[in-house]
């Protein structure tokens, strides 16, 4: 003689509500703290699905016995609603687990922005450890990154530059680092705009074969301008820096007389006569 199923309320509480509540909490914890491998996620989902079917079967046995003994259907329909809700909750939690398992981790927004900026230039140390090579646009964060690279490569003696320019404030920061470390500078190809400010910081300054320097006055990158930025004052700061580096004042003033939409590329003799070049060309 087979054992009778437990009473309906007890069956619903002990076989469905309490175990399913514990499993829901477990899935929520997994989705919050753990990124499961995809195969393991499928195994757990399959196991939970089988357990949910067993719970439904156990409740159905109790429901059948309840109807036979009392004829009341209201508790049975209530139990079916609980099972239906449990099934929907399981599907949602399984889907979340699968999305998390398959998701490709993306860096935080600040990290994404840093990577985007660093993609605009290359900064590396030569194989012999003596030359720091920069090529590209001067963007936010360059000074900090250059400082870290120089700290990790104490044998660097020269900075090789190439690029169209970029942010003056970052160029000033990089120039301070070059002066602090007493490094030489070299223009590998065209070093233009803000790049020339970094170049001017070198202890000795030279052009590689094919190297050029391109100068022009400053301009704001924001349409309409920024009221707190005085372009003339900023240009005077860097004119004083050029003169401090031994560059003739007349030459420095000529730089800022060139419109921002133009590019002045002086000849090698003119650069040497103005004190811009102090080392022999390679």
C-alpha atoms as a PDB file:
ATOM      1  CA  UNK A   1       0.000   0.000   0.000  1.00  0.00           C
ATOM      2  CA  UNK A   2       1.548   3.285  -1.102  1.00  0.00           C
ATOM      3  CA  UNK A   3       2.006   6.166   1.314  1.00  0.00           C
ATOM      4  CA  UNK A   4      -0.468   9.000   1.045  1.00  0.00           C
ATOM      5  CA  UNK A   5       0.789  12.397  -0.168  1.00  0.00           C
ATOM      6  CA  UNK A   6       1.132  15.030   2.561  1.00  0.00           C
ATOM      7  CA  UNK A   7      -1.764  17.478   3.123  1.00  0.00           C
ATOM      8  CA  UNK A   8      -2.017  20.240   0.553  1.00  0.00           C
ATOM      9  CA  UNK A   9      -0.875  23.240   2.680  1.00  0.00           C
ATOM     10  CA  UNK A  10       2.058  21.254   4.031  1.00  0.00           C
ATOM     11  CA  UNK A  11       2.991  20.019   0.561  1.00  0.00           C
ATOM     12  CA  UNK A  12       2.893  23.543  -0.832  1.00  0.00           C
ATOM     13  CA  UNK A  13       4.941  24.991   2.018  1.00  0.00           C
ATOM     14  CA  UNK A  14       7.552  22.247   2.461  1.00  0.00           C
ATOM     15  CA  UNK A  15       7.899  20.987  -1.103  1.00  0.00           C
ATOM     16  CA  UNK A  16       7.450  24.219  -3.109  1.00  0.00           C
ATOM     17  CA  UNK A  17       7.524  27.529  -1.241  1.00  0.00           C
ATOM     18  CA  UNK A  18      10.425  26.994   1.172  1.00  0.00           C
ATOM     19  CA  UNK A  19      12.792  25.125  -1.213  1.00  0.00           C
ATOM     20  CA  UNK A  20      11.979  27.486  -4.067  1.00  0.00           C
ATOM     21  CA  UNK A  21      12.535  30.513  -1.841  1.00  0.00           C
ATOM     22  CA  UNK A  22      15.959  29.185  -0.867  1.00  0.00           C
ATOM     23  CA  UNK A  23      16.839  28.534  -4.496  1.00  0.00           C
ATOM     24  CA  UNK A  24      15.730  32.038  -5.532  1.00  0.00           C
ATOM     25  CA  UNK A  25      18.006  33.541  -2.904  1.00  0.00           C
ATOM     26  CA  UNK A  26      20.814  31.285  -4.106  1.00  0.00           C
ATOM     27  CA  UNK A  27      20.369  32.353  -7.743  1.00  0.00           C
ATOM     28  CA  UNK A  28      20.255  36.004  -6.731  1.00  0.00           C
ATOM     29  CA  UNK A  29      23.519  35.600  -4.814  1.00  0.00           C
ATOM     30  CA  UNK A  30      25.145  33.834  -7.777  1.00  0.00           C
ATOM     31  CA  UNK A  31      24.056  36.543 -10.204  1.00  0.00           C
ATOM     32  CA  UNK A  32      25.303  39.252  -7.871  1.00  0.00           C
ATOM     33  CA  UNK A  33      28.708  37.871  -6.920  1.00  0.00           C
ATOM     34  CA  UNK A  34      29.743  35.100  -9.326  1.00  0.00           C
ATOM     35  CA  UNK A  35      30.250  34.913 -13.073  1.00  0.00           C
ATOM     36  CA  UNK A  36      29.716  31.236 -13.866  1.00  0.00           C
ATOM     37  CA  UNK A  37      31.286  29.481 -16.845  1.00  0.00           C
ATOM     38  CA  UNK A  38      28.624  28.968 -19.510  1.00  0.00           C
ATOM     39  CA  UNK A  39      28.664  25.101 -19.313  1.00  0.00           C
ATOM     40  CA  UNK A  40      28.271  25.192 -15.519  1.00  0.00           C
ATOM     41  CA  UNK A  41      25.424  27.695 -15.836  1.00  0.00           C
ATOM     42  CA  UNK A  42      23.561  25.313 -18.183  1.00  0.00           C
ATOM     43  CA  UNK A  43      24.120  22.389 -15.805  1.00  0.00           C
ATOM     44  CA  UNK A  44      22.717  24.329 -12.849  1.00  0.00           C
ATOM     45  CA  UNK A  45      19.767  25.561 -14.910  1.00  0.00           C
ATOM     46  CA  UNK A  46      18.968  22.004 -16.006  1.00  0.00           C
ATOM     47  CA  UNK A  47      19.224  20.715 -12.432  1.00  0.00           C
ATOM     48  CA  UNK A  48      16.960  23.481 -11.160  1.00  0.00           C
ATOM     49  CA  UNK A  49      14.492  22.780 -13.961  1.00  0.00           C
ATOM     50  CA  UNK A  50      14.312  19.102 -12.998  1.00  0.00           C
ATOM     51  CA  UNK A  51      13.841  20.033  -9.368  1.00  0.00           C
ATOM     52  CA  UNK A  52      11.028  22.424 -10.317  1.00  0.00           C
ATOM     53  CA  UNK A  53       9.311  19.600 -12.223  1.00  0.00           C
ATOM     54  CA  UNK A  54       9.638  17.335  -9.161  1.00  0.00           C
ATOM     55  CA  UNK A  55       8.101  20.072  -7.012  1.00  0.00           C
ATOM     56  CA  UNK A  56       5.182  20.395  -9.428  1.00  0.00           C
ATOM     57  CA  UNK A  57       4.675  16.622  -9.433  1.00  0.00           C
ATOM     58  CA  UNK A  58       4.765  16.450  -5.628  1.00  0.00           C
ATOM     59  CA  UNK A  59       2.217  19.243  -5.341  1.00  0.00           C
ATOM     60  CA  UNK A  60      -0.024  17.605  -7.950  1.00  0.00           C
ATOM     61  CA  UNK A  61      -0.147  14.392  -5.904  1.00  0.00           C
ATOM     62  CA  UNK A  62      -1.199  16.356  -2.827  1.00  0.00           C
ATOM     63  CA  UNK A  63      -3.698  18.366  -4.870  1.00  0.00           C
ATOM     64  CA  UNK A  64      -5.312  15.200  -6.244  1.00  0.00           C
ATOM     65  CA  UNK A  65      -5.637  13.760  -2.730  1.00  0.00           C
ATOM     66  CA  UNK A  66      -7.056  17.043  -1.466  1.00  0.00           C
ATOM     67  CA  UNK A  67      -9.711  17.181  -4.189  1.00  0.00           C
ATOM     68  CA  UNK A  68     -10.690  13.557  -3.588  1.00  0.00           C
ATOM     69  CA  UNK A  69     -11.101  14.120   0.131  1.00  0.00           C
ATOM     70  CA  UNK A  70     -12.655  17.586   0.211  1.00  0.00           C
ATOM     71  CA  UNK A  71     -13.686  18.486  -3.319  1.00  0.00           C
ATOM     72  CA  UNK A  72     -12.395  22.061  -2.755  1.00  0.00           C
ATOM     73  CA  UNK A  73     -10.519  23.489  -5.759  1.00  0.00           C
ATOM     74  CA  UNK A  74      -9.676  26.946  -4.457  1.00  0.00           C
ATOM     75  CA  UNK A  75      -6.488  25.870  -2.575  1.00  0.00           C
ATOM     76  CA  UNK A  76      -5.445  23.852  -5.600  1.00  0.00           C
ATOM     77  CA  UNK A  77      -5.726  26.849  -7.928  1.00  0.00           C
ATOM     78  CA  UNK A  78      -3.786  28.891  -5.401  1.00  0.00           C
ATOM     79  CA  UNK A  79      -1.040  26.283  -5.481  1.00  0.00           C
ATOM     80  CA  UNK A  80      -0.993  26.343  -9.279  1.00  0.00           C
ATOM     81  CA  UNK A  81      -0.526  30.115  -9.188  1.00  0.00           C
ATOM     82  CA  UNK A  82       2.408  29.692  -6.804  1.00  0.00           C
ATOM     83  CA  UNK A  83       3.973  27.133  -9.145  1.00  0.00           C
ATOM     84  CA  UNK A  84       3.408  29.409 -12.127  1.00  0.00           C
ATOM     85  CA  UNK A  85       5.070  32.295 -10.322  1.00  0.00           C
ATOM     86  CA  UNK A  86       7.955  30.035  -9.310  1.00  0.00           C
ATOM     87  CA  UNK A  87       8.417  28.989 -12.933  1.00  0.00           C
ATOM     88  CA  UNK A  88       8.511  32.598 -14.188  1.00  0.00           C
ATOM     89  CA  UNK A  89      10.948  33.558 -11.425  1.00  0.00           C
ATOM     90  CA  UNK A  90      13.206  30.631 -12.337  1.00  0.00           C
ATOM     91  CA  UNK A  91      13.192  31.590 -16.025  1.00  0.00           C
ATOM     92  CA  UNK A  92      14.122  35.186 -15.221  1.00  0.00           C
ATOM     93  CA  UNK A  93      16.937  34.123 -12.894  1.00  0.00           C
ATOM     94  CA  UNK A  94      18.247  31.574 -15.414  1.00  0.00           C
ATOM     95  CA  UNK A  95      18.237  34.199 -18.154  1.00  0.00           C
ATOM     96  CA  UNK A  96      20.149  36.651 -15.956  1.00  0.00           C
ATOM     97  CA  UNK A  97      22.691  33.962 -15.134  1.00  0.00           C
ATOM     98  CA  UNK A  98      23.159  33.135 -18.812  1.00  0.00           C
ATOM     99  CA  UNK A  99      23.579  36.803 -19.763  1.00  0.00           C
ATOM    100  CA  UNK A 100      26.167  37.297 -17.027  1.00  0.00           C
ATOM    101  CA  UNK A 101      28.003  34.112 -18.027  1.00  0.00           C
ATOM    102  CA  UNK A 102      28.160  35.152 -21.679  1.00  0.00           C
ATOM    103  CA  UNK A 103      28.835  38.831 -21.098  1.00  0.00           C
ATOM    104  CA  UNK A 104      32.165  40.280 -22.171  1.00  0.00           C
ATOM    105  CA  UNK A 105      33.486  42.383 -19.348  1.00  0.00           C
ATOM    106  CA  UNK A 106      33.843  46.022 -20.298  1.00  0.00           C
ATOM    107  CA  UNK A 107      35.991  48.519 -18.458  1.00  0.00           C
ATOM    108  CA  UNK A 108      34.378  51.250 -16.402  1.00  0.00           C
ATOM    109  CA  UNK A 109      33.566  54.512 -18.156  1.00  0.00           C
ATOM    110  CA  UNK A 110      36.667  56.305 -16.871  1.00  0.00           C
ATOM    111  CA  UNK A 111      38.837  53.414 -18.009  1.00  0.00           C
ATOM    112  CA  UNK A 112      37.153  53.404 -21.419  1.00  0.00           C
ATOM    113  CA  UNK A 113      37.841  57.120 -21.811  1.00  0.00           C
ATOM    114  CA  UNK A 114      41.487  56.617 -20.833  1.00  0.00           C
ATOM    115  CA  UNK A 115      41.903  53.845 -23.387  1.00  0.00           C
ATOM    116  CA  UNK A 116      40.248  55.979 -26.068  1.00  0.00           C
ATOM    117  CA  UNK A 117      42.661  58.847 -25.380  1.00  0.00           C
ATOM    118  CA  UNK A 118      45.706  56.591 -25.295  1.00  0.00           C
ATOM    119  CA  UNK A 119      44.675  55.086 -28.633  1.00  0.00           C
ATOM    120  CA  UNK A 120      45.364  58.478 -30.222  1.00  0.00           C
ATOM    121  CA  UNK A 121      49.106  58.202 -29.624  1.00  0.00           C
ATOM    122  CA  UNK A 122      51.880  55.709 -29.001  1.00  0.00           C
ATOM    123  CA  UNK A 123      54.381  56.017 -26.164  1.00  0.00           C
ATOM    124  CA  UNK A 124      57.119  53.449 -25.815  1.00  0.00           C
ATOM    125  CA  UNK A 125      60.751  53.008 -24.852  1.00  0.00           C
ATOM    126  CA  UNK A 126      63.292  51.878 -27.427  1.00  0.00           C
ATOM    127  CA  UNK A 127      64.835  48.435 -27.215  1.00  0.00           C
ATOM    128  CA  UNK A 128      68.054  49.751 -25.688  1.00  0.00           C
ATOM    129  CA  UNK A 129      66.086  51.675 -23.047  1.00  0.00           C
ATOM    130  CA  UNK A 130      67.643  55.023 -23.970  1.00  0.00           C
ATOM    131  CA  UNK A 131      64.911  56.693 -26.039  1.00  0.00           C
ATOM    132  CA  UNK A 132      61.302  57.490 -25.186  1.00  0.00           C
ATOM    133  CA  UNK A 133      59.317  57.561 -28.434  1.00  0.00           C
ATOM    134  CA  UNK A 134      56.096  59.581 -28.711  1.00  0.00           C
ATOM    135  CA  UNK A 135      53.995  59.696 -31.860  1.00  0.00           C
ATOM    136  CA  UNK A 136      50.475  61.053 -32.140  1.00  0.00           C
ATOM    137  CA  UNK A 137      48.065  63.499 -30.559  1.00  0.00           C
ATOM    138  CA  UNK A 138      48.728  65.084 -27.166  1.00  0.00           C
ATOM    139  CA  UNK A 139      45.654  64.186 -25.106  1.00  0.00           C
ATOM    140  CA  UNK A 140      44.485  64.234 -21.488  1.00  0.00           C
ATOM    141  CA  UNK A 141      46.557  61.926 -19.316  1.00  0.00           C
ATOM    142  CA  UNK A 142      49.754  62.039 -21.378  1.00  0.00           C
ATOM    143  CA  UNK A 143      51.766  63.730 -18.626  1.00  0.00           C
ATOM    144  CA  UNK A 144      50.769  61.154 -16.026  1.00  0.00           C
ATOM    145  CA  UNK A 145      51.507  58.263 -18.354  1.00  0.00           C
ATOM    146  CA  UNK A 146      54.842  59.719 -19.435  1.00  0.00           C
ATOM    147  CA  UNK A 147      55.797  60.190 -15.789  1.00  0.00           C
ATOM    148  CA  UNK A 148      55.047  56.515 -15.106  1.00  0.00           C
ATOM    149  CA  UNK A 149      57.001  55.355 -18.167  1.00  0.00           C
ATOM    150  CA  UNK A 150      60.029  57.452 -17.226  1.00  0.00           C
ATOM    151  CA  UNK A 151      59.906  56.160 -13.651  1.00  0.00           C
ATOM    152  CA  UNK A 152      60.011  52.602 -15.013  1.00  0.00           C
ATOM    153  CA  UNK A 153      62.799  53.389 -17.521  1.00  0.00           C
ATOM    154  CA  UNK A 154      65.453  55.417 -15.665  1.00  0.00           C
ATOM    155  CA  UNK A 155      68.006  54.942 -18.461  1.00  0.00           C
ATOM    156  CA  UNK A 156      66.058  57.109 -20.935  1.00  0.00           C
ATOM    157  CA  UNK A 157      68.186  60.007 -22.173  1.00  0.00           C
ATOM    158  CA  UNK A 158      66.259  61.287 -25.197  1.00  0.00           C
ATOM    159  CA  UNK A 159      62.637  61.841 -26.250  1.00  0.00           C
ATOM    160  CA  UNK A 160      61.813  61.338 -29.919  1.00  0.00           C
ATOM    161  CA  UNK A 161      58.734  63.294 -30.972  1.00  0.00           C
ATOM    162  CA  UNK A 162      56.271  63.265 -33.845  1.00  0.00           C
ATOM    163  CA  UNK A 163      52.689  64.435 -34.017  1.00  0.00           C
ATOM    164  CA  UNK A 164      50.217  67.158 -34.970  1.00  0.00           C
ATOM    165  CA  UNK A 165      49.956  68.683 -31.498  1.00  0.00           C
ATOM    166  CA  UNK A 166      47.026  68.667 -29.110  1.00  0.00           C
ATOM    167  CA  UNK A 167      46.388  70.019 -25.633  1.00  0.00           C
ATOM    168  CA  UNK A 168      48.706  72.805 -24.489  1.00  0.00           C
ATOM    169  CA  UNK A 169      48.249  72.017 -20.794  1.00  0.00           C
ATOM    170  CA  UNK A 170      49.338  68.407 -21.289  1.00  0.00           C
ATOM    171  CA  UNK A 171      52.249  69.571 -23.456  1.00  0.00           C
ATOM    172  CA  UNK A 172      53.362  71.857 -20.622  1.00  0.00           C
ATOM    173  CA  UNK A 173      53.223  68.955 -18.189  1.00  0.00           C
ATOM    174  CA  UNK A 174      55.287  66.760 -20.494  1.00  0.00           C
ATOM    175  CA  UNK A 175      57.775  69.626 -20.975  1.00  0.00           C
ATOM    176  CA  UNK A 176      58.230  69.897 -17.210  1.00  0.00           C
ATOM    177  CA  UNK A 177      58.990  66.182 -17.016  1.00  0.00           C
ATOM    178  CA  UNK A 178      61.607  66.484 -19.748  1.00  0.00           C
ATOM    179  CA  UNK A 179      63.279  69.371 -17.966  1.00  0.00           C
ATOM    180  CA  UNK A 180      63.155  67.574 -14.623  1.00  0.00           C
ATOM    181  CA  UNK A 181      64.850  64.508 -16.081  1.00  0.00           C
ATOM    182  CA  UNK A 182      67.234  66.654 -18.186  1.00  0.00           C
ATOM    183  CA  UNK A 183      66.379  64.795 -21.365  1.00  0.00           C
ATOM    184  CA  UNK A 184      67.322  65.650 -24.943  1.00  0.00           C
ATOM    185  CA  UNK A 185      64.601  65.994 -27.579  1.00  0.00           C
ATOM    186  CA  UNK A 186      64.474  65.052 -31.223  1.00  0.00           C
ATOM    187  CA  UNK A 187      61.841  65.576 -33.918  1.00  0.00           C
ATOM    188  CA  UNK A 188      61.537  62.312 -35.837  1.00  0.00           C
ATOM    189  CA  UNK A 189      59.204  63.601 -38.577  1.00  0.00           C
ATOM    190  CA  UNK A 190      56.806  66.533 -38.245  1.00  0.00           C
ATOM    191  CA  UNK A 191      56.419  67.801 -34.692  1.00  0.00           C
ATOM    192  CA  UNK A 192      53.783  70.533 -34.872  1.00  0.00           C
ATOM    193  CA  UNK A 193      51.763  72.869 -32.673  1.00  0.00           C
ATOM    194  CA  UNK A 194      51.815  71.781 -29.001  1.00  0.00           C
ATOM    195  CA  UNK A 195      54.402  69.132 -29.850  1.00  0.00           C
ATOM    196  CA  UNK A 196      56.956  71.935 -30.377  1.00  0.00           C
ATOM    197  CA  UNK A 197      56.447  73.007 -26.760  1.00  0.00           C
ATOM    198  CA  UNK A 198      57.572  69.572 -25.616  1.00  0.00           C
ATOM    199  CA  UNK A 199      60.454  69.700 -28.088  1.00  0.00           C
ATOM    200  CA  UNK A 200      61.620  73.050 -26.711  1.00  0.00           C
ATOM    201  CA  UNK A 201      62.021  71.548 -23.225  1.00  0.00           C
ATOM    202  CA  UNK A 202      64.984  69.411 -24.319  1.00  0.00           C
ATOM    203  CA  UNK A 203      68.431  69.952 -22.849  1.00  0.00           C
ATOM    204  CA  UNK A 204      69.768  69.610 -26.377  1.00  0.00           C
ATOM    205  CA  UNK A 205      67.416  69.700 -29.347  1.00  0.00           C
ATOM    206  CA  UNK A 206      67.903  68.222 -32.791  1.00  0.00           C
ATOM    207  CA  UNK A 207      66.080  67.084 -35.914  1.00  0.00           C
ATOM    208  CA  UNK A 208      66.335  63.555 -37.236  1.00  0.00           C
ATOM    209  CA  UNK A 209      66.625  63.037 -40.984  1.00  0.00           C
ATOM    210  CA  UNK A 210      63.303  64.239 -42.327  1.00  0.00           C
ATOM    211  CA  UNK A 211      62.405  65.930 -39.063  1.00  0.00           C
ATOM    212  CA  UNK A 212      60.475  69.226 -39.110  1.00  0.00           C
ATOM    213  CA  UNK A 213      58.959  71.656 -36.643  1.00  0.00           C
ATOM    214  CA  UNK A 214      55.617  73.311 -37.369  1.00  0.00           C
ATOM    215  CA  UNK A 215      54.423  76.394 -35.458  1.00  0.00           C
ATOM    216  CA  UNK A 216      51.242  78.456 -35.216  1.00  0.00           C
ATOM    217  CA  UNK A 217      49.285  80.541 -32.725  1.00  0.00           C
ATOM    218  CA  UNK A 218      46.804  79.116 -30.240  1.00  0.00           C
ATOM    219  CA  UNK A 219      43.075  78.596 -30.632  1.00  0.00           C
ATOM    220  CA  UNK A 220      40.322  77.288 -28.381  1.00  0.00           C
ATOM    221  CA  UNK A 221      38.928  73.873 -29.215  1.00  0.00           C
ATOM    222  CA  UNK A 222      35.412  74.958 -28.156  1.00  0.00           C
ATOM    223  CA  UNK A 223      33.214  76.947 -30.502  1.00  0.00           C
ATOM    224  CA  UNK A 224      32.364  80.315 -28.972  1.00  0.00           C
ATOM    225  CA  UNK A 225      35.366  80.250 -26.650  1.00  0.00           C
ATOM    226  CA  UNK A 226      35.687  79.957 -22.901  1.00  0.00           C
ATOM    227  CA  UNK A 227      35.535  83.209 -20.928  1.00  0.00           C
ATOM    228  CA  UNK A 228      38.012  82.003 -18.302  1.00  0.00           C
ATOM    229  CA  UNK A 229      40.751  81.329 -20.882  1.00  0.00           C
ATOM    230  CA  UNK A 230      42.813  84.276 -22.143  1.00  0.00           C
ATOM    231  CA  UNK A 231      44.633  83.119 -25.273  1.00  0.00           C
ATOM    232  CA  UNK A 232      47.010  86.068 -25.257  1.00  0.00           C
ATOM    233  CA  UNK A 233      47.973  85.362 -21.666  1.00  0.00           C
ATOM    234  CA  UNK A 234      48.518  81.670 -22.439  1.00  0.00           C
ATOM    235  CA  UNK A 235      50.712  82.544 -25.410  1.00  0.00           C
ATOM    236  CA  UNK A 236      52.743  84.918 -23.260  1.00  0.00           C
ATOM    237  CA  UNK A 237      53.389  82.104 -20.787  1.00  0.00           C
ATOM    238  CA  UNK A 238      54.827  79.899 -23.478  1.00  0.00           C
ATOM    239  CA  UNK A 239      56.705  82.744 -25.150  1.00  0.00           C
ATOM    240  CA  UNK A 240      58.481  83.248 -21.812  1.00  0.00           C
ATOM    241  CA  UNK A 241      59.171  79.500 -21.677  1.00  0.00           C
ATOM    242  CA  UNK A 242      60.696  79.521 -25.165  1.00  0.00           C
ATOM    243  CA  UNK A 243      62.957  82.420 -24.198  1.00  0.00           C
ATOM    244  CA  UNK A 244      63.916  80.636 -20.973  1.00  0.00           C
ATOM    245  CA  UNK A 245      65.003  77.693 -23.112  1.00  0.00           C
ATOM    246  CA  UNK A 246      67.362  79.906 -25.089  1.00  0.00           C
ATOM    247  CA  UNK A 247      65.097  80.566 -28.093  1.00  0.00           C
ATOM    248  CA  UNK A 248      65.247  84.103 -29.436  1.00  0.00           C
ATOM    249  CA  UNK A 249      62.299  86.287 -28.477  1.00  0.00           C
ATOM    250  CA  UNK A 250      61.773  87.556 -32.020  1.00  0.00           C
ATOM    251  CA  UNK A 251      61.417  84.000 -33.273  1.00  0.00           C
ATOM    252  CA  UNK A 252      59.032  83.076 -30.450  1.00  0.00           C
ATOM    253  CA  UNK A 253      56.850  86.101 -31.130  1.00  0.00           C
ATOM    254  CA  UNK A 254      56.705  85.181 -34.789  1.00  0.00           C
ATOM    255  CA  UNK A 255      55.273  81.787 -33.790  1.00  0.00           C
ATOM    256  CA  UNK A 256      52.185  83.358 -32.256  1.00  0.00           C
ATOM    257  CA  UNK A 257      51.730  85.729 -35.181  1.00  0.00           C
ATOM    258  CA  UNK A 258      50.896  82.741 -37.405  1.00  0.00           C
ATOM    259  CA  UNK A 259      47.180  81.980 -37.609  1.00  0.00           C
ATOM    260  CA  UNK A 260      45.943  78.776 -36.044  1.00  0.00           C
ATOM    261  CA  UNK A 261      44.721  77.518 -39.396  1.00  0.00           C
ATOM    262  CA  UNK A 262      48.201  77.860 -40.896  1.00  0.00           C
ATOM    263  CA  UNK A 263      51.490  76.107 -40.197  1.00  0.00           C
ATOM    264  CA  UNK A 264      54.896  77.745 -40.271  1.00  0.00           C
ATOM    265  CA  UNK A 265      57.750  75.303 -40.903  1.00  0.00           C
ATOM    266  CA  UNK A 266      61.060  77.184 -40.594  1.00  0.00           C
ATOM    267  CA  UNK A 267      64.187  75.958 -42.343  1.00  0.00           C
ATOM    268  CA  UNK A 268      66.951  74.197 -40.450  1.00  0.00           C
ATOM    269  CA  UNK A 269      69.286  77.208 -40.666  1.00  0.00           C
ATOM    270  CA  UNK A 270      66.553  79.488 -39.303  1.00  0.00           C
ATOM    271  CA  UNK A 271      65.839  77.120 -36.449  1.00  0.00           C
ATOM    272  CA  UNK A 272      69.500  76.903 -35.534  1.00  0.00           C
ATOM    273  CA  UNK A 273      69.994  80.671 -35.778  1.00  0.00           C
ATOM    274  CA  UNK A 274      67.016  81.222 -33.466  1.00  0.00           C
ATOM    275  CA  UNK A 275      68.380  78.805 -30.867  1.00  0.00           C
ATOM    276  CA  UNK A 276      65.618  76.230 -31.400  1.00  0.00           C
ATOM    277  CA  UNK A 277      68.124  73.573 -32.496  1.00  0.00           C
ATOM    278  CA  UNK A 278      71.133  73.065 -30.261  1.00  0.00           C
ATOM    279  CA  UNK A 279      72.348  69.608 -31.280  1.00  0.00           C
ATOM    280  CA  UNK A 280      73.674  68.157 -34.504  1.00  0.00           C
ATOM    281  CA  UNK A 281      71.164  66.703 -36.947  1.00  0.00           C
ATOM    282  CA  UNK A 282      71.120  62.914 -37.325  1.00  0.00           C
END
